[in-house]
Structure formats: structure tokens, C-alpha cells
Amino acid sequence: MNGLGKHLRALRTQAGLTQAEIGYRAGISREVVCAIENGRTNPRIGTVKRYCEAIGARIVIGFPPKEQK
């Protein structure tokens, strides 16, 4: 399981939703939800966006600061 999948699964379980419910709300199959959560696929950003919208979460992208030399 990769970091993204682990995080998405945690958000889903906190929301009290099943993989099938997320799939229905996001317009993807339960099998795809399972593959994402288990790190077997790298979803497109649009798929992650729909997943997050389905659970009421938002995407925040951050980059670490450049190291000083």
C-alpha cells in the first residue's frame, strides 16, 4: 500500500463509507477504489479529485522547501 492509498483509505473509513459507496459517488468501480487504496494503481489527479469530493475532502499539494547550500 502506498502513502496516497493508505491516506485515502483512512479518510474513507473516517467518513464511515464503504469502497462501493465511494465508487458510486466518484463514478469509479469498487475494484478501482480497492486498487487505489492498496497501491496497485497510480490514479490520475482527476480520479483522486473525484474520490476526495465523494468524502468531502480537498486536495492540498505542497512541496518541501529547497535545501540551502
PDB file of N, CA and C in Angstrom:
ATOM      1  N   MET A   1       0.853  -1.176   0.000  1.00  0.00           N
ATOM      2  CA  MET A   1       0.000   0.000   0.000  1.00  0.00           C
ATOM      3  C   MET A   1       0.895   1.234   0.000  1.00  0.00           C
ATOM      4  N   ASN A   2       0.660   2.145  -0.929  1.00  0.00           N
ATOM      5  CA  ASN A   2       1.470   3.361  -0.969  1.00  0.00           C
ATOM      6  C   ASN A   2       0.886   4.422  -0.042  1.00  0.00           C
ATOM      7  N   GLY A   3       1.603   5.527   0.109  1.00  0.00           N
ATOM      8  CA  GLY A   3       1.166   6.582   1.013  1.00  0.00           C
ATOM      9  C   GLY A   3      -0.171   7.187   0.638  1.00  0.00           C
ATOM     10  N   LEU A   4      -0.385   7.426  -0.650  1.00  0.00           N
ATOM     11  CA  LEU A   4      -1.648   8.011  -1.094  1.00  0.00           C
ATOM     12  C   LEU A   4      -2.805   7.065  -0.802  1.00  0.00           C
ATOM     13  N   GLY A   5      -2.650   5.817  -1.170  1.00  0.00           N
ATOM     14  CA  GLY A   5      -3.712   4.843  -0.943  1.00  0.00           C
ATOM     15  C   GLY A   5      -4.050   4.680   0.528  1.00  0.00           C
ATOM     16  N   LYS A   6      -3.016   4.631   1.359  1.00  0.00           N
ATOM     17  CA  LYS A   6      -3.212   4.497   2.806  1.00  0.00           C
ATOM     18  C   LYS A   6      -3.977   5.706   3.350  1.00  0.00           C
ATOM     19  N   HIS A   7      -3.613   6.888   2.876  1.00  0.00           N
ATOM     20  CA  HIS A   7      -4.266   8.113   3.336  1.00  0.00           C
ATOM     21  C   HIS A   7      -5.727   8.155   2.884  1.00  0.00           C
ATOM     22  N   LEU A   8      -5.971   7.794   1.620  1.00  0.00           N
ATOM     23  CA  LEU A   8      -7.345   7.803   1.117  1.00  0.00           C
ATOM     24  C   LEU A   8      -8.210   6.791   1.864  1.00  0.00           C
ATOM     25  N   ARG A   9      -7.654   5.619   2.143  1.00  0.00           N
ATOM     26  CA  ARG A   9      -8.415   4.615   2.903  1.00  0.00           C
ATOM     27  C   ARG A   9      -8.765   5.145   4.289  1.00  0.00           C
ATOM     28  N   ALA A  10      -7.808   5.796   4.946  1.00  0.00           N
ATOM     29  CA  ALA A  10      -8.068   6.351   6.276  1.00  0.00           C
ATOM     30  C   ALA A  10      -9.185   7.391   6.220  1.00  0.00           C
ATOM     31  N   LEU A  11      -9.153   8.254   5.206  1.00  0.00           N
ATOM     32  CA  LEU A  11     -10.208   9.258   5.059  1.00  0.00           C
ATOM     33  C   LEU A  11     -11.567   8.598   4.832  1.00  0.00           C
ATOM     34  N   ARG A  12     -11.578   7.557   4.009  1.00  0.00           N
ATOM     35  CA  ARG A  12     -12.840   6.864   3.720  1.00  0.00           C
ATOM     36  C   ARG A  12     -13.408   6.211   4.972  1.00  0.00           C
ATOM     37  N   THR A  13     -12.559   5.532   5.723  1.00  0.00           N
ATOM     38  CA  THR A  13     -13.062   4.857   6.924  1.00  0.00           C
ATOM     39  C   THR A  13     -13.497   5.864   7.983  1.00  0.00           C
ATOM     40  N   GLN A  14     -12.801   7.001   8.073  1.00  0.00           N
ATOM     41  CA  GLN A  14     -13.222   8.058   9.000  1.00  0.00           C
ATOM     42  C   GLN A  14     -14.593   8.597   8.618  1.00  0.00           C
ATOM     43  N   ALA A  15     -14.869   8.633   7.314  1.00  0.00           N
ATOM     44  CA  ALA A  15     -16.167   9.111   6.830  1.00  0.00           C
ATOM     45  C   ALA A  15     -17.248   8.043   6.984  1.00  0.00           C
ATOM     46  N   GLY A  16     -16.847   6.821   7.344  1.00  0.00           N
ATOM     47  CA  GLY A  16     -17.806   5.744   7.538  1.00  0.00           C
ATOM     48  C   GLY A  16     -18.409   5.216   6.251  1.00  0.00           C
ATOM     49  N   LEU A  17     -17.628   5.273   5.162  1.00  0.00           N
ATOM     50  CA  LEU A  17     -18.121   4.845   3.854  1.00  0.00           C
ATOM     51  C   LEU A  17     -17.426   3.567   3.401  1.00  0.00           C
ATOM     52  N   THR A  18     -18.134   2.788   2.597  1.00  0.00           N
ATOM     53  CA  THR A  18     -17.553   1.586   2.011  1.00  0.00           C
ATOM     54  C   THR A  18     -16.877   1.939   0.693  1.00  0.00           C
ATOM     55  N   GLN A  19     -16.084   1.010   0.197  1.00  0.00           N
ATOM     56  CA  GLN A  19     -15.464   1.211  -1.114  1.00  0.00           C
ATOM     57  C   GLN A  19     -16.528   1.347  -2.194  1.00  0.00           C
ATOM     58  N   ALA A  20     -17.600   0.582  -2.078  1.00  0.00           N
ATOM     59  CA  ALA A  20     -18.683   0.660  -3.066  1.00  0.00           C
ATOM     60  C   ALA A  20     -19.357   2.026  -3.041  1.00  0.00           C
ATOM     61  N   GLU A  21     -19.557   2.587  -1.849  1.00  0.00           N
ATOM     62  CA  GLU A  21     -20.183   3.910  -1.742  1.00  0.00           C
ATOM     63  C   GLU A  21     -19.295   4.990  -2.348  1.00  0.00           C
ATOM     64  N   ILE A  22     -17.993   4.920  -2.074  1.00  0.00           N
ATOM     65  CA  ILE A  22     -17.058   5.881  -2.674  1.00  0.00           C
ATOM     66  C   ILE A  22     -17.064   5.739  -4.183  1.00  0.00           C
ATOM     67  N   GLY A  23     -17.013   4.509  -4.660  1.00  0.00           N
ATOM     68  CA  GLY A  23     -17.032   4.269  -6.096  1.00  0.00           C
ATOM     69  C   GLY A  23     -18.259   4.864  -6.756  1.00  0.00           C
ATOM     70  N   TYR A  24     -19.417   4.655  -6.155  1.00  0.00           N
ATOM     71  CA  TYR A  24     -20.661   5.195  -6.707  1.00  0.00           C
ATOM     72  C   TYR A  24     -20.619   6.717  -6.739  1.00  0.00           C
ATOM     73  N   ARG A  25     -20.219   7.321  -5.632  1.00  0.00           N
ATOM     74  CA  ARG A  25     -20.181   8.783  -5.546  1.00  0.00           C
ATOM     75  C   ARG A  25     -19.149   9.396  -6.489  1.00  0.00           C
ATOM     76  N   ALA A  26     -18.024   8.696  -6.677  1.00  0.00           N
ATOM     77  CA  ALA A  26     -16.935   9.230  -7.501  1.00  0.00           C
ATOM     78  C   ALA A  26     -17.033   8.803  -8.961  1.00  0.00           C
ATOM     79  N   GLY A  27     -17.951   7.896  -9.263  1.00  0.00           N
ATOM     80  CA  GLY A  27     -18.098   7.439 -10.642  1.00  0.00           C
ATOM     81  C   GLY A  27     -17.014   6.472 -11.082  1.00  0.00           C
ATOM     82  N   ILE A  28     -16.496   5.698 -10.136  1.00  0.00           N
ATOM     83  CA  ILE A  28     -15.495   4.673 -10.445  1.00  0.00           C
ATOM     84  C   ILE A  28     -15.949   3.359  -9.810  1.00  0.00           C
ATOM     85  N   SER A  29     -15.404   2.263 -10.266  1.00  0.00           N
ATOM     86  CA  SER A  29     -15.828   0.969  -9.726  1.00  0.00           C
ATOM     87  C   SER A  29     -15.213   0.721  -8.347  1.00  0.00           C
ATOM     88  N   ARG A  30     -15.844  -0.173  -7.595  1.00  0.00           N
ATOM     89  CA  ARG A  30     -15.310  -0.555  -6.297  1.00  0.00           C
ATOM     90  C   ARG A  30     -13.935  -1.186  -6.459  1.00  0.00           C
ATOM     91  N   GLU A  31     -13.748  -1.914  -7.562  1.00  0.00           N
ATOM     92  CA  GLU A  31     -12.459  -2.547  -7.823  1.00  0.00           C
ATOM     93  C   GLU A  31     -11.351  -1.512  -8.000  1.00  0.00           C
ATOM     94  N   VAL A  32     -11.666  -0.405  -8.657  1.00  0.00           N
ATOM     95  CA  VAL A  32     -10.679   0.670  -8.833  1.00  0.00           C
ATOM     96  C   VAL A  32     -10.376   1.321  -7.488  1.00  0.00           C
ATOM     97  N   VAL A  33     -11.409   1.552  -6.680  1.00  0.00           N
ATOM     98  CA  VAL A  33     -11.194   2.105  -5.339  1.00  0.00           C
ATOM     99  C   VAL A  33     -10.252   1.196  -4.555  1.00  0.00           C
ATOM    100  N   CYS A  34     -10.501  -0.103  -4.607  1.00  0.00           N
ATOM    101  CA  CYS A  34      -9.658  -1.079  -3.911  1.00  0.00           C
ATOM    102  C   CYS A  34      -8.216  -1.016  -4.423  1.00  0.00           C
ATOM    103  N   ALA A  35      -8.042  -0.960  -5.733  1.00  0.00           N
ATOM    104  CA  ALA A  35      -6.699  -0.909  -6.325  1.00  0.00           C
ATOM    105  C   ALA A  35      -5.959   0.360  -5.912  1.00  0.00           C
ATOM    106  N   ILE A  36      -6.664   1.478  -5.860  1.00  0.00           N
ATOM    107  CA  ILE A  36      -6.046   2.742  -5.436  1.00  0.00           C
ATOM    108  C   ILE A  36      -5.601   2.636  -3.981  1.00  0.00           C
ATOM    109  N   GLU A  37      -6.512   2.181  -3.125  1.00  0.00           N
ATOM    110  CA  GLU A  37      -6.212   2.109  -1.697  1.00  0.00           C
ATOM    111  C   GLU A  37      -5.097   1.120  -1.376  1.00  0.00           C
ATOM    112  N   ASN A  38      -4.953   0.089  -2.188  1.00  0.00           N
ATOM    113  CA  ASN A  38      -3.908  -0.911  -1.959  1.00  0.00           C
ATOM    114  C   ASN A  38      -2.626  -0.631  -2.730  1.00  0.00           C
ATOM    115  N   GLY A  39      -2.566   0.502  -3.431  1.00  0.00           N
ATOM    116  CA  GLY A  39      -1.351   0.894  -4.133  1.00  0.00           C
ATOM    117  C   GLY A  39      -1.056   0.082  -5.376  1.00  0.00           C
ATOM    118  N   ARG A  40      -2.063  -0.579  -5.935  1.00  0.00           N
ATOM    119  CA  ARG A  40      -1.852  -1.381  -7.139  1.00  0.00           C
ATOM    120  C   ARG A  40      -1.998  -0.564  -8.418  1.00  0.00           C
ATOM    121  N   THR A  41      -2.410   0.689  -8.288  1.00  0.00           N
ATOM    122  CA  THR A  41      -2.532   1.564  -9.449  1.00  0.00           C
ATOM    123  C   THR A  41      -2.194   2.982  -9.033  1.00  0.00           C
ATOM    124  N   ASN A  42      -1.722   3.762  -9.967  1.00  0.00           N
ATOM    125  CA  ASN A  42      -1.457   5.177  -9.732  1.00  0.00           C
ATOM    126  C   ASN A  42      -2.568   5.966 -10.408  1.00  0.00           C
ATOM    127  N   PRO A  43      -3.528   6.451  -9.626  1.00  0.00           N
ATOM    128  CA  PRO A  43      -4.670   7.136 -10.223  1.00  0.00           C
ATOM    129  C   PRO A  43      -4.296   8.498 -10.784  1.00  0.00           C
ATOM    130  N   ARG A  44      -5.057   8.904 -11.778  1.00  0.00           N
ATOM    131  CA  ARG A  44      -4.894  10.258 -12.309  1.00  0.00           C
ATOM    132  C   ARG A  44      -5.399  11.253 -11.277  1.00  0.00           C
ATOM    133  N   ILE A  45      -4.936  12.479 -11.383  1.00  0.00           N
ATOM    134  CA  ILE A  45      -5.319  13.507 -10.413  1.00  0.00           C
ATOM    135  C   ILE A  45      -6.832  13.732 -10.434  1.00  0.00           C
ATOM    136  N   GLY A  46      -7.455  13.613 -11.604  1.00  0.00           N
ATOM    137  CA  GLY A  46      -8.907  13.777 -11.692  1.00  0.00           C
ATOM    138  C   GLY A  46      -9.652  12.712 -10.904  1.00  0.00           C
ATOM    139  N   THR A  47      -9.136  11.498 -10.913  1.00  0.00           N
ATOM    140  CA  THR A  47      -9.749  10.414 -10.146  1.00  0.00           C
ATOM    141  C   THR A  47      -9.596  10.673  -8.651  1.00  0.00           C
ATOM    142  N   VAL A  48      -8.426  11.118  -8.239  1.00  0.00           N
ATOM    143  CA  VAL A  48      -8.203  11.447  -6.829  1.00  0.00           C
ATOM    144  C   VAL A  48      -9.116  12.592  -6.414  1.00  0.00           C
ATOM    145  N   LYS A  49      -9.287  13.565  -7.286  1.00  0.00           N
ATOM    146  CA  LYS A  49     -10.170  14.706  -7.000  1.00  0.00           C
ATOM    147  C   LYS A  49     -11.601  14.228  -6.775  1.00  0.00           C
ATOM    148  N   ARG A  50     -12.101  13.368  -7.654  1.00  0.00           N
ATOM    149  CA  ARG A  50     -13.470  12.859  -7.507  1.00  0.00           C
ATOM    150  C   ARG A  50     -13.606  12.024  -6.233  1.00  0.00           C
ATOM    151  N   TYR A  51     -12.591  11.228  -5.924  1.00  0.00           N
ATOM    152  CA  TYR A  51     -12.584  10.430  -4.696  1.00  0.00           C
ATOM    153  C   TYR A  51     -12.701  11.364  -3.488  1.00  0.00           C
ATOM    154  N   CYS A  52     -11.870  12.397  -3.463  1.00  0.00           N
ATOM    155  CA  CYS A  52     -11.879  13.330  -2.338  1.00  0.00           C
ATOM    156  C   CYS A  52     -13.205  14.075  -2.236  1.00  0.00           C
ATOM    157  N   GLU A  53     -13.749  14.496  -3.360  1.00  0.00           N
ATOM    158  CA  GLU A  53     -15.048  15.165  -3.344  1.00  0.00           C
ATOM    159  C   GLU A  53     -16.127  14.240  -2.791  1.00  0.00           C
ATOM    160  N   ALA A  54     -16.021  12.956  -3.079  1.00  0.00           N
ATOM    161  CA  ALA A  54     -17.012  11.980  -2.623  1.00  0.00           C
ATOM    162  C   ALA A  54     -17.023  11.833  -1.102  1.00  0.00           C
ATOM    163  N   ILE A  55     -15.903  12.138  -0.456  1.00  0.00           N
ATOM    164  CA  ILE A  55     -15.848  12.036   1.006  1.00  0.00           C
ATOM    165  C   ILE A  55     -15.788  13.404   1.681  1.00  0.00           C
ATOM    166  N   GLY A  56     -15.896  14.469   0.897  1.00  0.00           N
ATOM    167  CA  GLY A  56     -15.891  15.809   1.466  1.00  0.00           C
ATOM    168  C   GLY A  56     -14.514  16.312   1.850  1.00  0.00           C
ATOM    169  N   ALA A  57     -13.484  15.766   1.217  1.00  0.00           N
ATOM    170  CA  ALA A  57     -12.112  16.206   1.486  1.00  0.00           C
ATOM    171  C   ALA A  57     -11.626  17.079   0.331  1.00  0.00           C
ATOM    172  N   ARG A  58     -10.524  17.734   0.538  1.00  0.00           N
ATOM    173  CA  ARG A  58      -9.935  18.532  -0.538  1.00  0.00           C
ATOM    174  C   ARG A  58      -8.477  18.135  -0.699  1.00  0.00           C
ATOM    175  N   ILE A  59      -7.951  18.418  -1.870  1.00  0.00           N
ATOM    176  CA  ILE A  59      -6.560  18.099  -2.173  1.00  0.00           C
ATOM    177  C   ILE A  59      -5.708  19.330  -1.901  1.00  0.00           C
ATOM    178  N   VAL A  60      -4.639  19.142  -1.153  1.00  0.00           N
ATOM    179  CA  VAL A  60      -3.669  20.206  -0.904  1.00  0.00           C
ATOM    180  C   VAL A  60      -2.309  19.658  -1.318  1.00  0.00           C
ATOM    181  N   ILE A  61      -1.677  20.334  -2.256  1.00  0.00           N
ATOM    182  CA  ILE A  61      -0.372  19.893  -2.741  1.00  0.00           C
ATOM    183  C   ILE A  61       0.690  20.835  -2.193  1.00  0.00           C
ATOM    184  N   GLY A  62       1.692  20.265  -1.582  1.00  0.00           N
ATOM    185  CA  GLY A  62       2.783  21.065  -1.045  1.00  0.00           C
ATOM    186  C   GLY A  62       4.123  20.512  -1.499  1.00  0.00           C
ATOM    187  N   PHE A  63       5.084  21.382  -1.592  1.00  0.00           N
ATOM    188  CA  PHE A  63       6.427  20.982  -1.970  1.00  0.00           C
ATOM    189  C   PHE A  63       7.373  21.402  -0.856  1.00  0.00           C
ATOM    190  N   PRO A  64       8.312  20.531  -0.501  1.00  0.00           N
ATOM    191  CA  PRO A  64       9.256  20.907   0.546  1.00  0.00           C
ATOM    192  C   PRO A  64      10.150  22.047   0.062  1.00  0.00           C
ATOM    193  N   PRO A  65      10.588  22.889   0.988  1.00  0.00           N
ATOM    194  CA  PRO A  65      11.470  23.979   0.581  1.00  0.00           C
ATOM    195  C   PRO A  65      12.792  23.445   0.045  1.00  0.00           C
ATOM    196  N   LYS A  66      13.375  24.206  -0.860  1.00  0.00           N
ATOM    197  CA  LYS A  66      14.672  23.841  -1.421  1.00  0.00           C
ATOM    198  C   LYS A  66      15.723  23.950  -0.321  1.00  0.00           C
ATOM    199  N   GLU A  67      16.586  22.944  -0.264  1.00  0.00           N
ATOM    200  CA  GLU A  67      17.625  22.944   0.766  1.00  0.00           C
ATOM    201  C   GLU A  67      18.637  24.048   0.493  1.00  0.00           C
ATOM    202  N   GLN A  68      19.059  24.709   1.556  1.00  0.00           N
ATOM    203  CA  GLN A  68      20.081  25.746   1.464  1.00  0.00           C
ATOM    204  C   GLN A  68      21.448  25.085   1.370  1.00  0.00           C
ATOM    205  N   LYS A  69      22.335  25.653   0.559  1.00  0.00           N
ATOM    206  CA  LYS A  69      23.704  25.121   0.440  1.00  0.00           C
ATOM    207  C   LYS A  69      24.666  25.971   1.199  1.00  0.00           C
TER     208      LYS A  69
END
